Amino acid sequence: MKAVIQRVAKASVHINTQLKAEIGKGLLVLIGIEEADTNEDIVCLCLKLCNLRIFDDANGVMNLSVREVNGEILAVSQFTLMASTKKGNRPSYIKAARPEIAIPLYQQFVRQLEQELGKAVATGEFGADMQIELLNDGPVTICIDTKNKE
């Protein structure tokens, strides 16, 4: 699994001009799923997301997690994170999981994230054409690949 995590003051997702979900202070998580992903990847990533200390403490030091600041999470599936650009100029998405594999893994990821966070997680809609608005706070943007544990 690959994730792009952005610390946000607010974020929302629209589908066909209709608001699907929105959050205030928290994390916008764009998530890419590959066929080789397992429950271990999901658990590892969810733990990391909820405990990542990227929010400022009273001294202005990034020392608090989304859980500790009572923040929210918006999780949006994004298969393009699995793009390979090694050959040519047209990205290849051969590593992206097919919907029959990716959808259950994405749903499991959201459930696990809710369990770790202790509250509901806002989501986009798998496979939909979505418009994401965000106010990146910092900016703080972090990339995680569960296959790169070093």
N, C-alpha and C. Protein backbone atom coordinates (compact mmCIF):
# COMPACT_ATOMS: atom_id res chain seq x y z
N MET A 1 0.85 -1.18 0.00
CA MET A 1 0.00 0.00 0.00
C MET A 1 0.89 1.23 0.00
N LYS A 2 0.43 2.21 -0.71
CA LYS A 2 1.11 3.50 -0.71
C LYS A 2 0.11 4.53 -0.21
N ALA A 3 0.62 5.46 0.60
CA ALA A 3 -0.24 6.52 1.11
C ALA A 3 0.48 7.85 1.01
N VAL A 4 -0.26 8.87 0.61
CA VAL A 4 0.21 10.24 0.68
C VAL A 4 -0.64 10.88 1.77
N ILE A 5 0.03 11.35 2.82
CA ILE A 5 -0.64 11.90 3.99
C ILE A 5 -0.41 13.41 4.02
N GLN A 6 -1.48 14.15 4.11
CA GLN A 6 -1.36 15.60 4.18
C GLN A 6 -2.05 16.09 5.45
N ARG A 7 -1.30 16.86 6.24
CA ARG A 7 -1.89 17.49 7.42
C ARG A 7 -2.72 18.67 6.92
N VAL A 8 -4.01 18.67 7.27
CA VAL A 8 -4.90 19.69 6.74
C VAL A 8 -5.63 20.46 7.84
N ALA A 9 -5.96 21.70 7.53
CA ALA A 9 -6.85 22.49 8.37
C ALA A 9 -8.29 22.10 8.07
N LYS A 10 -8.52 21.71 6.79
CA LYS A 10 -9.82 21.20 6.36
C LYS A 10 -9.64 20.52 5.00
N ALA A 11 -10.55 19.61 4.69
CA ALA A 11 -10.53 18.92 3.40
C ALA A 11 -11.93 18.42 3.09
N SER A 12 -12.22 18.30 1.80
CA SER A 12 -13.52 17.79 1.38
C SER A 12 -13.38 17.05 0.06
N VAL A 13 -14.35 16.21 -0.22
CA VAL A 13 -14.40 15.50 -1.49
C VAL A 13 -15.81 15.67 -2.07
N HIS A 14 -15.84 16.04 -3.36
CA HIS A 14 -17.09 16.20 -4.09
C HIS A 14 -17.13 15.19 -5.23
N ILE A 15 -18.33 14.69 -5.52
CA ILE A 15 -18.56 13.80 -6.65
C ILE A 15 -19.74 14.37 -7.41
N ASN A 16 -19.54 14.68 -8.69
CA ASN A 16 -20.59 15.29 -9.52
C ASN A 16 -21.16 16.54 -8.85
N THR A 17 -20.31 17.37 -8.37
CA THR A 17 -20.61 18.64 -7.68
C THR A 17 -21.32 18.47 -6.34
N GLN A 18 -21.55 17.24 -5.91
CA GLN A 18 -22.21 16.98 -4.62
C GLN A 18 -21.15 16.68 -3.56
N LEU A 19 -21.30 17.30 -2.39
CA LEU A 19 -20.39 17.03 -1.29
C LEU A 19 -20.57 15.61 -0.80
N LYS A 20 -19.48 14.84 -0.81
CA LYS A 20 -19.52 13.45 -0.33
C LYS A 20 -19.08 13.39 1.12
N ALA A 21 -18.00 14.13 1.45
CA ALA A 21 -17.47 14.10 2.82
C ALA A 21 -16.59 15.32 3.04
N GLU A 22 -16.49 15.72 4.31
CA GLU A 22 -15.59 16.81 4.65
C GLU A 22 -15.10 16.63 6.08
N ILE A 23 -13.91 17.16 6.34
CA ILE A 23 -13.34 17.12 7.68
C ILE A 23 -12.76 18.49 8.01
N GLY A 24 -12.54 18.69 9.30
CA GLY A 24 -11.80 19.86 9.76
C GLY A 24 -10.35 19.46 9.95
N LYS A 25 -9.73 19.92 11.01
CA LYS A 25 -8.32 19.63 11.30
C LYS A 25 -8.08 18.12 11.33
N GLY A 26 -7.06 17.69 10.59
CA GLY A 26 -6.76 16.27 10.58
C GLY A 26 -5.86 15.88 9.43
N LEU A 27 -6.14 14.69 8.88
CA LEU A 27 -5.31 14.13 7.81
C LEU A 27 -6.15 13.80 6.59
N LEU A 28 -5.66 14.21 5.42
CA LEU A 28 -6.19 13.72 4.15
C LEU A 28 -5.23 12.61 3.75
N VAL A 29 -5.77 11.40 3.57
CA VAL A 29 -4.94 10.25 3.21
C VAL A 29 -5.38 9.74 1.84
N LEU A 30 -4.48 9.84 0.86
CA LEU A 30 -4.70 9.26 -0.46
C LEU A 30 -4.06 7.88 -0.41
N ILE A 31 -4.82 6.85 -0.76
CA ILE A 31 -4.36 5.47 -0.58
C ILE A 31 -4.38 4.70 -1.89
N GLY A 32 -3.23 4.09 -2.20
CA GLY A 32 -3.09 3.24 -3.39
C GLY A 32 -2.91 1.80 -2.95
N ILE A 33 -3.60 0.90 -3.62
CA ILE A 33 -3.58 -0.52 -3.24
C ILE A 33 -3.05 -1.35 -4.39
N GLU A 34 -2.14 -2.27 -4.06
CA GLU A 34 -1.63 -3.20 -5.08
C GLU A 34 -2.07 -4.61 -4.74
N GLU A 35 -1.98 -5.50 -5.72
CA GLU A 35 -2.47 -6.87 -5.55
C GLU A 35 -1.77 -7.62 -4.42
N ALA A 36 -0.52 -7.28 -4.14
CA ALA A 36 0.26 -7.99 -3.12
C ALA A 36 -0.05 -7.51 -1.70
N ASP A 37 -0.91 -6.51 -1.53
CA ASP A 37 -1.20 -5.99 -0.20
C ASP A 37 -1.99 -7.01 0.62
N THR A 38 -1.71 -6.99 1.93
CA THR A 38 -2.33 -7.94 2.85
C THR A 38 -2.88 -7.22 4.07
N ASN A 39 -3.49 -7.99 4.96
CA ASN A 39 -3.98 -7.44 6.22
C ASN A 39 -2.83 -6.84 7.03
N GLU A 40 -1.65 -7.42 6.92
CA GLU A 40 -0.48 -6.89 7.63
C GLU A 40 -0.17 -5.46 7.16
N ASP A 41 -0.27 -5.21 5.86
CA ASP A 41 -0.05 -3.85 5.33
C ASP A 41 -1.08 -2.88 5.90
N ILE A 42 -2.33 -3.33 5.97
CA ILE A 42 -3.41 -2.49 6.47
C ILE A 42 -3.18 -2.12 7.93
N VAL A 43 -2.92 -3.11 8.76
CA VAL A 43 -2.71 -2.88 10.20
C VAL A 43 -1.51 -1.96 10.41
N CYS A 44 -0.42 -2.24 9.73
CA CYS A 44 0.80 -1.44 9.86
C CYS A 44 0.55 0.02 9.48
N LEU A 45 -0.11 0.24 8.36
CA LEU A 45 -0.37 1.60 7.88
C LEU A 45 -1.33 2.34 8.80
N CYS A 46 -2.38 1.68 9.25
CA CYS A 46 -3.35 2.33 10.13
C CYS A 46 -2.72 2.73 11.46
N LEU A 47 -1.90 1.87 12.01
CA LEU A 47 -1.18 2.21 13.25
C LEU A 47 -0.28 3.42 13.03
N LYS A 48 0.44 3.42 11.93
CA LYS A 48 1.34 4.52 11.62
C LYS A 48 0.56 5.82 11.45
N LEU A 49 -0.54 5.79 10.73
CA LEU A 49 -1.33 7.00 10.49
C LEU A 49 -1.86 7.61 11.79
N CYS A 50 -2.36 6.77 12.67
CA CYS A 50 -2.96 7.27 13.91
C CYS A 50 -1.92 7.72 14.93
N ASN A 51 -0.69 7.27 14.78
CA ASN A 51 0.36 7.60 15.75
C ASN A 51 1.43 8.53 15.21
N LEU A 52 1.35 8.89 13.93
CA LEU A 52 2.33 9.77 13.31
C LEU A 52 2.30 11.14 13.99
N ARG A 53 3.40 11.55 14.56
CA ARG A 53 3.45 12.79 15.33
C ARG A 53 3.80 13.97 14.42
N ILE A 54 2.76 14.51 13.78
CA ILE A 54 2.97 15.61 12.83
C ILE A 54 2.12 16.83 13.14
N PHE A 55 1.51 16.86 14.32
CA PHE A 55 0.74 18.03 14.75
C PHE A 55 1.52 18.75 15.84
N ASP A 56 1.42 20.07 15.85
CA ASP A 56 2.19 20.88 16.79
C ASP A 56 1.69 20.74 18.22
N ASP A 57 2.65 20.69 19.14
CA ASP A 57 2.33 20.74 20.56
C ASP A 57 2.29 22.20 21.00
N ALA A 58 2.20 22.46 22.29
CA ALA A 58 2.10 23.83 22.82
C ALA A 58 3.33 24.66 22.49
N ASN A 59 4.46 24.01 22.20
CA ASN A 59 5.70 24.71 21.88
C ASN A 59 5.92 24.87 20.37
N GLY A 60 4.93 24.47 19.58
CA GLY A 60 5.06 24.58 18.14
C GLY A 60 5.93 23.51 17.51
N VAL A 61 6.15 22.41 18.24
CA VAL A 61 6.96 21.30 17.75
C VAL A 61 6.03 20.18 17.29
N MET A 62 6.30 19.60 16.12
CA MET A 62 5.48 18.48 15.65
C MET A 62 5.72 17.29 16.57
N ASN A 63 4.81 17.10 17.52
CA ASN A 63 5.00 16.10 18.56
C ASN A 63 3.71 15.38 18.93
N LEU A 64 2.61 15.70 18.25
CA LEU A 64 1.31 15.11 18.57
C LEU A 64 0.73 14.38 17.37
N SER A 65 -0.04 13.34 17.66
CA SER A 65 -0.68 12.54 16.61
C SER A 65 -2.09 13.08 16.33
N VAL A 66 -2.68 12.60 15.26
CA VAL A 66 -4.04 12.97 14.90
C VAL A 66 -4.99 12.57 16.03
N ARG A 67 -4.71 11.47 16.66
CA ARG A 67 -5.54 11.01 17.78
C ARG A 67 -5.44 11.98 18.96
N GLU A 68 -4.22 12.44 19.24
CA GLU A 68 -3.99 13.32 20.39
C GLU A 68 -4.58 14.71 20.21
N VAL A 69 -4.75 15.16 18.97
CA VAL A 69 -5.36 16.48 18.73
C VAL A 69 -6.85 16.35 18.41
N ASN A 70 -7.39 15.13 18.59
CA ASN A 70 -8.79 14.86 18.29
C ASN A 70 -9.12 15.25 16.85
N GLY A 71 -8.18 14.96 15.94
CA GLY A 71 -8.36 15.28 14.53
C GLY A 71 -9.21 14.25 13.80
N GLU A 72 -9.49 14.58 12.56
CA GLU A 72 -10.31 13.72 11.71
C GLU A 72 -9.45 13.18 10.57
N ILE A 73 -9.96 12.16 9.89
CA ILE A 73 -9.26 11.60 8.73
C ILE A 73 -10.25 11.47 7.57
N LEU A 74 -9.78 11.90 6.40
CA LEU A 74 -10.49 11.69 5.14
C LEU A 74 -9.62 10.76 4.31
N ALA A 75 -10.11 9.55 4.03
CA ALA A 75 -9.37 8.55 3.27
C ALA A 75 -9.97 8.42 1.88
N VAL A 76 -9.12 8.62 0.87
CA VAL A 76 -9.58 8.59 -0.52
C VAL A 76 -8.73 7.61 -1.32
N SER A 77 -9.37 6.66 -1.98
CA SER A 77 -8.64 5.71 -2.82
C SER A 77 -8.09 6.43 -4.04
N GLN A 78 -6.86 6.07 -4.41
CA GLN A 78 -6.23 6.71 -5.57
C GLN A 78 -5.27 5.72 -6.23
N PHE A 79 -5.77 5.01 -7.23
CA PHE A 79 -4.97 3.98 -7.89
C PHE A 79 -3.75 4.56 -8.59
N THR A 80 -3.77 5.84 -8.94
CA THR A 80 -2.65 6.43 -9.65
C THR A 80 -1.38 6.50 -8.80
N LEU A 81 -1.50 6.30 -7.48
CA LEU A 81 -0.30 6.22 -6.64
C LEU A 81 0.55 5.01 -7.00
N MET A 82 -0.04 4.05 -7.66
CA MET A 82 0.69 2.84 -8.04
C MET A 82 1.35 2.97 -9.42
N ALA A 83 1.35 4.16 -9.98
CA ALA A 83 1.90 4.39 -11.32
C ALA A 83 3.38 4.07 -11.39
N SER A 84 3.76 3.47 -12.50
CA SER A 84 5.17 3.26 -12.81
C SER A 84 5.49 4.19 -13.99
N THR A 85 6.56 4.96 -13.84
CA THR A 85 6.96 5.90 -14.89
C THR A 85 8.34 5.56 -15.43
N LYS A 86 8.75 4.31 -15.27
CA LYS A 86 10.09 3.90 -15.69
C LYS A 86 10.29 3.94 -17.19
N LYS A 87 9.24 3.58 -17.95
CA LYS A 87 9.37 3.55 -19.41
C LYS A 87 8.42 4.56 -20.03
N GLY A 88 8.93 5.37 -20.91
CA GLY A 88 8.10 6.29 -21.66
C GLY A 88 7.49 7.39 -20.81
N ASN A 89 6.50 8.05 -21.38
CA ASN A 89 5.85 9.17 -20.70
C ASN A 89 4.43 8.88 -20.26
N ARG A 90 3.92 7.71 -20.64
CA ARG A 90 2.57 7.33 -20.20
C ARG A 90 2.70 6.39 -19.01
N PRO A 91 2.20 6.77 -17.84
CA PRO A 91 2.32 5.91 -16.66
C PRO A 91 1.63 4.56 -16.87
N SER A 92 2.22 3.54 -16.29
CA SER A 92 1.62 2.21 -16.29
C SER A 92 1.03 1.95 -14.91
N TYR A 93 -0.16 1.39 -14.88
CA TYR A 93 -0.83 1.11 -13.61
C TYR A 93 -0.94 -0.39 -13.38
N ILE A 94 -0.03 -1.14 -13.94
CA ILE A 94 -0.04 -2.60 -13.86
C ILE A 94 0.01 -3.10 -12.42
N LYS A 95 0.63 -2.34 -11.51
CA LYS A 95 0.74 -2.76 -10.11
C LYS A 95 -0.52 -2.46 -9.30
N ALA A 96 -1.40 -1.62 -9.81
CA ALA A 96 -2.63 -1.29 -9.08
C ALA A 96 -3.54 -2.51 -9.04
N ALA A 97 -4.10 -2.77 -7.87
CA ALA A 97 -5.00 -3.91 -7.72
C ALA A 97 -6.29 -3.69 -8.52
N ARG A 98 -6.79 -4.76 -9.09
CA ARG A 98 -8.07 -4.72 -9.79
C ARG A 98 -9.18 -4.46 -8.77
N PRO A 99 -10.29 -3.87 -9.19
CA PRO A 99 -11.37 -3.52 -8.24
C PRO A 99 -11.83 -4.67 -7.36
N GLU A 100 -11.91 -5.88 -7.89
CA GLU A 100 -12.40 -7.01 -7.08
C GLU A 100 -11.46 -7.32 -5.91
N ILE A 101 -10.21 -6.92 -6.01
CA ILE A 101 -9.26 -7.08 -4.91
C ILE A 101 -9.15 -5.79 -4.12
N ALA A 102 -9.08 -4.67 -4.82
CA ALA A 102 -8.85 -3.38 -4.16
C ALA A 102 -10.02 -2.92 -3.30
N ILE A 103 -11.24 -3.11 -3.74
CA ILE A 103 -12.39 -2.60 -2.99
C ILE A 103 -12.48 -3.24 -1.60
N PRO A 104 -12.43 -4.58 -1.49
CA PRO A 104 -12.47 -5.16 -0.13
C PRO A 104 -11.28 -4.72 0.74
N LEU A 105 -10.10 -4.56 0.15
CA LEU A 105 -8.95 -4.11 0.92
C LEU A 105 -9.13 -2.66 1.38
N TYR A 106 -9.67 -1.82 0.51
CA TYR A 106 -9.94 -0.42 0.87
C TYR A 106 -10.97 -0.36 2.00
N GLN A 107 -12.03 -1.14 1.90
CA GLN A 107 -13.05 -1.17 2.94
C GLN A 107 -12.48 -1.66 4.26
N GLN A 108 -11.63 -2.67 4.18
CA GLN A 108 -10.97 -3.19 5.39
C GLN A 108 -10.04 -2.13 5.98
N PHE A 109 -9.33 -1.40 5.12
CA PHE A 109 -8.45 -0.32 5.56
C PHE A 109 -9.25 0.73 6.33
N VAL A 110 -10.40 1.14 5.80
CA VAL A 110 -11.22 2.16 6.45
C VAL A 110 -11.72 1.65 7.80
N ARG A 111 -12.19 0.40 7.86
CA ARG A 111 -12.66 -0.17 9.14
C ARG A 111 -11.55 -0.21 10.18
N GLN A 112 -10.36 -0.64 9.75
CA GLN A 112 -9.21 -0.72 10.66
C GLN A 112 -8.81 0.67 11.13
N LEU A 113 -8.83 1.63 10.24
CA LEU A 113 -8.48 3.01 10.58
C LEU A 113 -9.48 3.58 11.59
N GLU A 114 -10.76 3.29 11.40
CA GLU A 114 -11.77 3.74 12.36
C GLU A 114 -11.55 3.12 13.73
N GLN A 115 -11.18 1.85 13.73
CA GLN A 115 -10.91 1.16 15.00
C GLN A 115 -9.72 1.79 15.72
N GLU A 116 -8.66 2.06 14.98
CA GLU A 116 -7.45 2.66 15.58
C GLU A 116 -7.70 4.10 16.04
N LEU A 117 -8.46 4.86 15.25
CA LEU A 117 -8.72 6.26 15.55
C LEU A 117 -9.78 6.42 16.65
N GLY A 118 -10.69 5.45 16.72
CA GLY A 118 -11.74 5.50 17.72
C GLY A 118 -12.94 6.33 17.30
N LYS A 119 -13.05 6.61 16.01
CA LYS A 119 -14.22 7.33 15.49
C LYS A 119 -14.31 7.11 13.98
N ALA A 120 -15.42 7.57 13.42
CA ALA A 120 -15.66 7.39 11.98
C ALA A 120 -14.62 8.12 11.15
N VAL A 121 -14.31 7.52 10.01
CA VAL A 121 -13.38 8.10 9.04
C VAL A 121 -14.20 8.50 7.81
N ALA A 122 -14.01 9.72 7.34
CA ALA A 122 -14.69 10.18 6.13
C ALA A 122 -14.01 9.54 4.92
N THR A 123 -14.77 9.30 3.86
CA THR A 123 -14.20 8.65 2.68
C THR A 123 -14.71 9.28 1.40
N GLY A 124 -13.97 8.99 0.35
CA GLY A 124 -14.44 9.29 -0.99
C GLY A 124 -15.27 8.10 -1.44
N GLU A 125 -15.35 7.91 -2.75
CA GLU A 125 -16.08 6.77 -3.30
C GLU A 125 -15.15 6.04 -4.26
N PHE A 126 -14.89 4.78 -3.99
CA PHE A 126 -13.95 4.01 -4.79
C PHE A 126 -14.35 4.06 -6.26
N GLY A 127 -13.39 4.42 -7.10
CA GLY A 127 -13.58 4.42 -8.55
C GLY A 127 -14.30 5.63 -9.12
N ALA A 128 -14.77 6.52 -8.26
CA ALA A 128 -15.50 7.70 -8.75
C ALA A 128 -14.52 8.78 -9.20
N ASP A 129 -15.01 9.67 -10.06
CA ASP A 129 -14.27 10.86 -10.44
C ASP A 129 -14.53 11.89 -9.35
N MET A 130 -13.52 12.15 -8.53
CA MET A 130 -13.69 12.98 -7.35
C MET A 130 -12.90 14.27 -7.47
N GLN A 131 -13.42 15.31 -6.85
CA GLN A 131 -12.70 16.58 -6.73
C GLN A 131 -12.40 16.76 -5.25
N ILE A 132 -11.10 16.89 -4.96
CA ILE A 132 -10.64 17.02 -3.58
C ILE A 132 -10.22 18.47 -3.35
N GLU A 133 -10.73 19.06 -2.29
CA GLU A 133 -10.28 20.39 -1.88
C GLU A 133 -9.62 20.23 -0.52
N LEU A 134 -8.50 20.93 -0.34
CA LEU A 134 -7.84 20.87 0.95
C LEU A 134 -7.10 22.15 1.23
N LEU A 135 -6.96 22.41 2.50
CA LEU A 135 -6.12 23.49 2.96
C LEU A 135 -4.99 22.80 3.74
N ASN A 136 -3.86 22.61 3.03
CA ASN A 136 -2.73 21.91 3.62
C ASN A 136 -2.15 22.79 4.72
N ASP A 137 -1.97 22.21 5.89
CA ASP A 137 -1.50 22.94 7.06
C ASP A 137 -0.01 22.73 7.23
N GLY A 138 0.77 23.72 6.90
CA GLY A 138 2.23 23.65 7.07
C GLY A 138 2.99 24.25 5.91
N PRO A 139 3.03 23.65 4.78
CA PRO A 139 2.43 22.36 4.42
C PRO A 139 3.21 21.18 5.01
N VAL A 140 2.46 20.15 5.34
CA VAL A 140 3.06 18.89 5.79
C VAL A 140 2.50 17.79 4.91
N THR A 141 3.37 17.13 4.16
CA THR A 141 2.99 16.03 3.28
C THR A 141 4.02 14.92 3.44
N ILE A 142 3.52 13.71 3.72
CA ILE A 142 4.40 12.56 3.97
C ILE A 142 3.92 11.39 3.12
N CYS A 143 4.87 10.66 2.54
CA CYS A 143 4.56 9.48 1.74
C CYS A 143 5.00 8.22 2.49
N ILE A 144 4.15 7.21 2.48
CA ILE A 144 4.47 5.93 3.11
C ILE A 144 4.18 4.82 2.12
N ASP A 145 5.13 3.89 2.02
CA ASP A 145 4.95 2.68 1.21
C ASP A 145 5.17 1.51 2.16
N THR A 146 4.13 0.71 2.39
CA THR A 146 4.25 -0.39 3.35
C THR A 146 5.23 -1.47 2.89
N LYS A 147 5.59 -1.45 1.63
CA LYS A 147 6.57 -2.41 1.12
C LYS A 147 8.00 -1.93 1.37
N ASN A 148 8.15 -0.69 1.82
CA ASN A 148 9.45 -0.09 2.13
C ASN A 148 9.55 0.14 3.63
N LYS A 149 9.82 -0.88 4.39
CA LYS A 149 9.79 -0.77 5.85
C LYS A 149 11.11 -0.34 6.45
N GLU A 150 12.07 -0.01 5.64
CA GLU A 150 13.38 0.41 6.16
C GLU A 150 13.39 1.87 6.49
